[in-house]
Amino acid sequence: MVELRSGEWARALAHVERAVQDCLGSLAKYEAAFAHVLAEAGRVAPWPTTAHEDDGEWRERIAEAEGQHRSAEALLDEQDRLWAEWQSRYGRWADSLKQPPE
């Protein structure tokens, strides 16, 4: 069995732990930001059936949905970045296990 350099192993493990915490934090932000959207899903008004129904209300709702979409995309981009960072750190840690001790 390969002996691990305890300092490197501990640092790598701390980096992996931090990356997991970052991912969980990002997920918590996403859930908090969109909890109201999920709660309102059952209370959505029907689409207007004629062109002269309240057009302004629908424009507001569409603008709000576009804002939520941008916000969701930003949070998902953050999660992707954190996940990629975690994978990289995990890969370096796994590779360090294969290195002979100095």
N, C-alpha and C. Protein backbone atom coordinates (compact mmCIF):
# COMPACT_ATOMS: atom_id res chain seq x y z
N MET A 1 0.85 -1.18 0.00
CA MET A 1 0.00 0.00 0.00
C MET A 1 0.89 1.24 0.00
N VAL A 2 0.52 2.22 -0.79
CA VAL A 2 1.30 3.44 -0.90
C VAL A 2 1.07 4.29 0.34
N GLU A 3 2.16 4.75 0.94
CA GLU A 3 2.04 5.67 2.07
C GLU A 3 1.71 7.05 1.54
N LEU A 4 0.77 7.70 2.17
CA LEU A 4 0.36 9.02 1.71
C LEU A 4 1.12 10.10 2.46
N ARG A 5 1.45 11.14 1.73
CA ARG A 5 2.03 12.30 2.39
C ARG A 5 0.89 12.98 3.12
N SER A 6 0.93 12.94 4.44
CA SER A 6 -0.22 13.36 5.22
C SER A 6 -0.59 14.83 4.98
N GLY A 7 0.37 15.69 4.79
CA GLY A 7 0.05 17.10 4.54
C GLY A 7 -0.71 17.29 3.25
N GLU A 8 -0.26 16.65 2.18
CA GLU A 8 -0.93 16.78 0.89
C GLU A 8 -2.31 16.14 0.93
N TRP A 9 -2.39 14.99 1.55
CA TRP A 9 -3.66 14.30 1.64
C TRP A 9 -4.67 15.15 2.41
N ALA A 10 -4.26 15.70 3.52
CA ALA A 10 -5.16 16.52 4.34
C ALA A 10 -5.59 17.78 3.58
N ARG A 11 -4.67 18.41 2.86
CA ARG A 11 -5.02 19.60 2.08
C ARG A 11 -6.00 19.26 0.96
N ALA A 12 -5.73 18.16 0.28
CA ALA A 12 -6.63 17.76 -0.81
C ALA A 12 -8.01 17.43 -0.28
N LEU A 13 -8.06 16.74 0.84
CA LEU A 13 -9.35 16.40 1.43
C LEU A 13 -10.09 17.65 1.88
N ALA A 14 -9.37 18.62 2.42
CA ALA A 14 -9.99 19.89 2.83
C ALA A 14 -10.54 20.63 1.61
N HIS A 15 -9.83 20.58 0.48
CA HIS A 15 -10.31 21.22 -0.75
C HIS A 15 -11.58 20.53 -1.25
N VAL A 16 -11.60 19.21 -1.21
CA VAL A 16 -12.79 18.47 -1.64
C VAL A 16 -13.96 18.80 -0.74
N GLU A 17 -13.72 18.84 0.57
CA GLU A 17 -14.77 19.17 1.52
C GLU A 17 -15.33 20.57 1.25
N ARG A 18 -14.44 21.52 1.00
CA ARG A 18 -14.86 22.89 0.72
C ARG A 18 -15.68 22.96 -0.57
N ALA A 19 -15.26 22.22 -1.58
CA ALA A 19 -15.99 22.22 -2.86
C ALA A 19 -17.39 21.64 -2.68
N VAL A 20 -17.51 20.58 -1.89
CA VAL A 20 -18.83 20.00 -1.62
C VAL A 20 -19.70 21.01 -0.87
N GLN A 21 -19.12 21.70 0.10
CA GLN A 21 -19.86 22.72 0.85
C GLN A 21 -20.31 23.84 -0.09
N ASP A 22 -19.45 24.24 -1.01
CA ASP A 22 -19.81 25.28 -1.98
C ASP A 22 -20.99 24.83 -2.85
N CYS A 23 -20.95 23.57 -3.31
CA CYS A 23 -22.04 23.04 -4.13
C CYS A 23 -23.35 23.02 -3.34
N LEU A 24 -23.29 22.58 -2.09
CA LEU A 24 -24.49 22.54 -1.26
C LEU A 24 -25.01 23.95 -0.99
N GLY A 25 -24.10 24.90 -0.79
CA GLY A 25 -24.51 26.28 -0.58
C GLY A 25 -25.19 26.85 -1.82
N SER A 26 -24.66 26.53 -2.97
CA SER A 26 -25.25 26.99 -4.23
C SER A 26 -26.65 26.39 -4.40
N LEU A 27 -26.80 25.12 -4.09
CA LEU A 27 -28.11 24.47 -4.18
C LEU A 27 -29.10 25.12 -3.22
N ALA A 28 -28.66 25.43 -2.01
CA ALA A 28 -29.53 26.09 -1.03
C ALA A 28 -29.99 27.45 -1.55
N LYS A 29 -29.08 28.20 -2.20
CA LYS A 29 -29.45 29.49 -2.77
C LYS A 29 -30.51 29.32 -3.86
N TYR A 30 -30.33 28.31 -4.69
CA TYR A 30 -31.28 28.04 -5.76
C TYR A 30 -32.65 27.71 -5.19
N GLU A 31 -32.68 26.82 -4.19
CA GLU A 31 -33.95 26.43 -3.59
C GLU A 31 -34.64 27.62 -2.93
N ALA A 32 -33.87 28.46 -2.24
CA ALA A 32 -34.45 29.62 -1.57
C ALA A 32 -34.97 30.63 -2.60
N ALA A 33 -34.22 30.82 -3.67
CA ALA A 33 -34.61 31.81 -4.68
C ALA A 33 -35.88 31.42 -5.43
N PHE A 34 -36.13 30.14 -5.58
CA PHE A 34 -37.25 29.70 -6.40
C PHE A 34 -38.34 28.98 -5.63
N ALA A 35 -38.30 29.03 -4.29
CA ALA A 35 -39.35 28.40 -3.49
C ALA A 35 -40.72 29.01 -3.80
N HIS A 36 -40.75 30.33 -3.98
CA HIS A 36 -42.03 31.00 -4.26
C HIS A 36 -42.60 30.59 -5.62
N VAL A 37 -41.73 30.29 -6.57
CA VAL A 37 -42.20 29.89 -7.89
C VAL A 37 -42.91 28.54 -7.79
N LEU A 38 -42.31 27.63 -7.05
CA LEU A 38 -42.93 26.31 -6.90
C LEU A 38 -44.23 26.41 -6.12
N ALA A 39 -44.28 27.27 -5.11
CA ALA A 39 -45.49 27.43 -4.31
C ALA A 39 -46.62 28.03 -5.14
N GLU A 40 -46.29 28.88 -6.10
CA GLU A 40 -47.30 29.55 -6.92
C GLU A 40 -47.73 28.71 -8.12
N ALA A 41 -47.06 27.60 -8.37
CA ALA A 41 -47.34 26.82 -9.58
C ALA A 41 -48.80 26.40 -9.68
N GLY A 42 -49.43 26.08 -8.59
CA GLY A 42 -50.82 25.65 -8.62
C GLY A 42 -51.81 26.79 -8.71
N ARG A 43 -51.33 28.04 -8.61
CA ARG A 43 -52.23 29.18 -8.60
C ARG A 43 -52.09 30.06 -9.85
N VAL A 44 -51.62 29.53 -10.92
CA VAL A 44 -51.41 30.31 -12.15
C VAL A 44 -52.75 30.52 -12.86
N ALA A 45 -53.00 31.75 -13.24
CA ALA A 45 -54.24 32.08 -13.96
C ALA A 45 -54.16 31.54 -15.38
N PRO A 46 -55.31 31.24 -15.97
CA PRO A 46 -55.29 30.73 -17.35
C PRO A 46 -54.85 31.81 -18.34
N TRP A 47 -54.35 31.38 -19.47
CA TRP A 47 -53.96 32.31 -20.52
C TRP A 47 -55.20 33.02 -21.05
N PRO A 48 -55.05 34.28 -21.47
CA PRO A 48 -56.20 34.99 -22.04
C PRO A 48 -56.68 34.30 -23.32
N THR A 49 -57.98 34.33 -23.53
CA THR A 49 -58.52 33.67 -24.71
C THR A 49 -58.73 34.63 -25.88
N THR A 50 -58.73 35.92 -25.59
CA THR A 50 -58.86 36.90 -26.68
C THR A 50 -57.74 37.92 -26.56
N ALA A 51 -57.47 38.58 -27.67
CA ALA A 51 -56.36 39.54 -27.72
C ALA A 51 -56.61 40.75 -26.84
N HIS A 52 -57.85 41.12 -26.56
CA HIS A 52 -58.11 42.32 -25.80
C HIS A 52 -58.24 42.09 -24.30
N GLU A 53 -58.02 40.86 -23.83
CA GLU A 53 -57.99 40.64 -22.38
C GLU A 53 -56.76 41.33 -21.81
N ASP A 54 -56.65 41.39 -20.53
CA ASP A 54 -55.62 42.18 -19.84
C ASP A 54 -54.21 41.84 -20.32
N ASP A 55 -53.81 42.52 -21.38
CA ASP A 55 -52.50 42.32 -22.00
C ASP A 55 -51.36 42.73 -21.06
N GLY A 56 -51.56 43.80 -20.32
CA GLY A 56 -50.52 44.31 -19.44
C GLY A 56 -50.12 43.32 -18.36
N GLU A 57 -51.11 42.65 -17.78
CA GLU A 57 -50.81 41.66 -16.73
C GLU A 57 -49.94 40.53 -17.27
N TRP A 58 -50.25 40.07 -18.48
CA TRP A 58 -49.48 38.98 -19.07
C TRP A 58 -48.07 39.43 -19.43
N ARG A 59 -47.94 40.65 -19.88
CA ARG A 59 -46.60 41.17 -20.18
C ARG A 59 -45.76 41.22 -18.91
N GLU A 60 -46.39 41.63 -17.82
CA GLU A 60 -45.69 41.66 -16.53
C GLU A 60 -45.28 40.25 -16.10
N ARG A 61 -46.18 39.31 -16.26
CA ARG A 61 -45.88 37.93 -15.88
C ARG A 61 -44.76 37.35 -16.74
N ILE A 62 -44.78 37.66 -18.03
CA ILE A 62 -43.73 37.17 -18.93
C ILE A 62 -42.39 37.81 -18.56
N ALA A 63 -42.40 39.10 -18.25
CA ALA A 63 -41.17 39.78 -17.85
C ALA A 63 -40.63 39.18 -16.54
N GLU A 64 -41.53 38.87 -15.61
CA GLU A 64 -41.11 38.24 -14.35
C GLU A 64 -40.53 36.85 -14.60
N ALA A 65 -41.17 36.10 -15.49
CA ALA A 65 -40.66 34.76 -15.83
C ALA A 65 -39.28 34.85 -16.48
N GLU A 66 -39.08 35.84 -17.34
CA GLU A 66 -37.77 36.02 -17.97
C GLU A 66 -36.71 36.34 -16.92
N GLY A 67 -37.06 37.18 -15.95
CA GLY A 67 -36.13 37.48 -14.86
C GLY A 67 -35.80 36.25 -14.04
N GLN A 68 -36.81 35.44 -13.76
CA GLN A 68 -36.57 34.19 -13.02
C GLN A 68 -35.69 33.24 -13.82
N HIS A 69 -35.89 33.22 -15.13
CA HIS A 69 -35.08 32.37 -16.00
C HIS A 69 -33.61 32.80 -15.93
N ARG A 70 -33.37 34.10 -16.05
CA ARG A 70 -31.98 34.60 -15.97
C ARG A 70 -31.36 34.26 -14.62
N SER A 71 -32.13 34.42 -13.57
CA SER A 71 -31.63 34.12 -12.23
C SER A 71 -31.32 32.62 -12.08
N ALA A 72 -32.21 31.78 -12.60
CA ALA A 72 -31.99 30.34 -12.53
C ALA A 72 -30.75 29.95 -13.33
N GLU A 73 -30.59 30.54 -14.51
CA GLU A 73 -29.41 30.24 -15.33
C GLU A 73 -28.12 30.63 -14.61
N ALA A 74 -28.13 31.78 -13.94
CA ALA A 74 -26.94 32.22 -13.21
C ALA A 74 -26.62 31.25 -12.08
N LEU A 75 -27.65 30.80 -11.36
CA LEU A 75 -27.40 29.84 -10.27
C LEU A 75 -26.93 28.50 -10.82
N LEU A 76 -27.50 28.05 -11.92
CA LEU A 76 -27.06 26.79 -12.52
C LEU A 76 -25.63 26.89 -13.03
N ASP A 77 -25.28 28.05 -13.60
CA ASP A 77 -23.89 28.26 -14.03
C ASP A 77 -22.94 28.17 -12.84
N GLU A 78 -23.35 28.75 -11.71
CA GLU A 78 -22.52 28.69 -10.50
C GLU A 78 -22.37 27.24 -10.05
N GLN A 79 -23.47 26.48 -10.07
CA GLN A 79 -23.40 25.07 -9.67
C GLN A 79 -22.49 24.30 -10.61
N ASP A 80 -22.58 24.55 -11.90
CA ASP A 80 -21.70 23.88 -12.87
C ASP A 80 -20.24 24.18 -12.58
N ARG A 81 -19.95 25.47 -12.29
CA ARG A 81 -18.57 25.86 -12.00
C ARG A 81 -18.07 25.16 -10.74
N LEU A 82 -18.89 25.14 -9.70
CA LEU A 82 -18.48 24.49 -8.44
C LEU A 82 -18.32 22.99 -8.62
N TRP A 83 -19.20 22.36 -9.40
CA TRP A 83 -19.11 20.93 -9.65
C TRP A 83 -17.82 20.60 -10.41
N ALA A 84 -17.52 21.41 -11.42
CA ALA A 84 -16.29 21.19 -12.20
C ALA A 84 -15.06 21.35 -11.32
N GLU A 85 -15.10 22.35 -10.44
CA GLU A 85 -13.98 22.56 -9.52
C GLU A 85 -13.83 21.36 -8.59
N TRP A 86 -14.95 20.85 -8.09
CA TRP A 86 -14.89 19.68 -7.21
C TRP A 86 -14.31 18.48 -7.94
N GLN A 87 -14.78 18.25 -9.17
CA GLN A 87 -14.27 17.12 -9.95
C GLN A 87 -12.77 17.25 -10.16
N SER A 88 -12.31 18.45 -10.46
CA SER A 88 -10.89 18.68 -10.67
C SER A 88 -10.09 18.38 -9.41
N ARG A 89 -10.57 18.90 -8.29
CA ARG A 89 -9.87 18.67 -7.02
C ARG A 89 -9.89 17.20 -6.64
N TYR A 90 -11.02 16.55 -6.86
CA TYR A 90 -11.10 15.12 -6.56
C TYR A 90 -10.13 14.33 -7.45
N GLY A 91 -10.07 14.71 -8.72
CA GLY A 91 -9.15 14.04 -9.64
C GLY A 91 -7.70 14.21 -9.21
N ARG A 92 -7.34 15.42 -8.79
CA ARG A 92 -5.96 15.65 -8.31
C ARG A 92 -5.69 14.84 -7.05
N TRP A 93 -6.68 14.76 -6.17
CA TRP A 93 -6.51 13.99 -4.94
C TRP A 93 -6.34 12.51 -5.27
N ALA A 94 -7.19 12.00 -6.17
CA ALA A 94 -7.10 10.59 -6.56
C ALA A 94 -5.74 10.30 -7.20
N ASP A 95 -5.26 11.23 -8.04
CA ASP A 95 -3.94 11.06 -8.65
C ASP A 95 -2.84 11.07 -7.60
N SER A 96 -3.01 11.88 -6.55
CA SER A 96 -1.97 11.96 -5.52
C SER A 96 -1.83 10.63 -4.77
N LEU A 97 -2.91 9.86 -4.74
CA LEU A 97 -2.85 8.55 -4.08
C LEU A 97 -1.97 7.57 -4.84
N LYS A 98 -1.82 7.83 -6.13
CA LYS A 98 -1.02 6.94 -6.98
C LYS A 98 0.46 7.30 -6.99
N GLN A 99 0.81 8.46 -6.43
CA GLN A 99 2.18 8.92 -6.45
C GLN A 99 2.99 8.23 -5.34
N PRO A 100 4.20 7.83 -5.65
CA PRO A 100 5.04 7.24 -4.61
C PRO A 100 5.45 8.31 -3.60
N PRO A 101 5.63 7.92 -2.34
CA PRO A 101 6.05 8.91 -1.33
C PRO A 101 7.44 9.45 -1.65
N GLU A 102 7.63 10.70 -1.25
CA GLU A 102 8.95 11.32 -1.51
C GLU A 102 9.93 10.98 -0.42
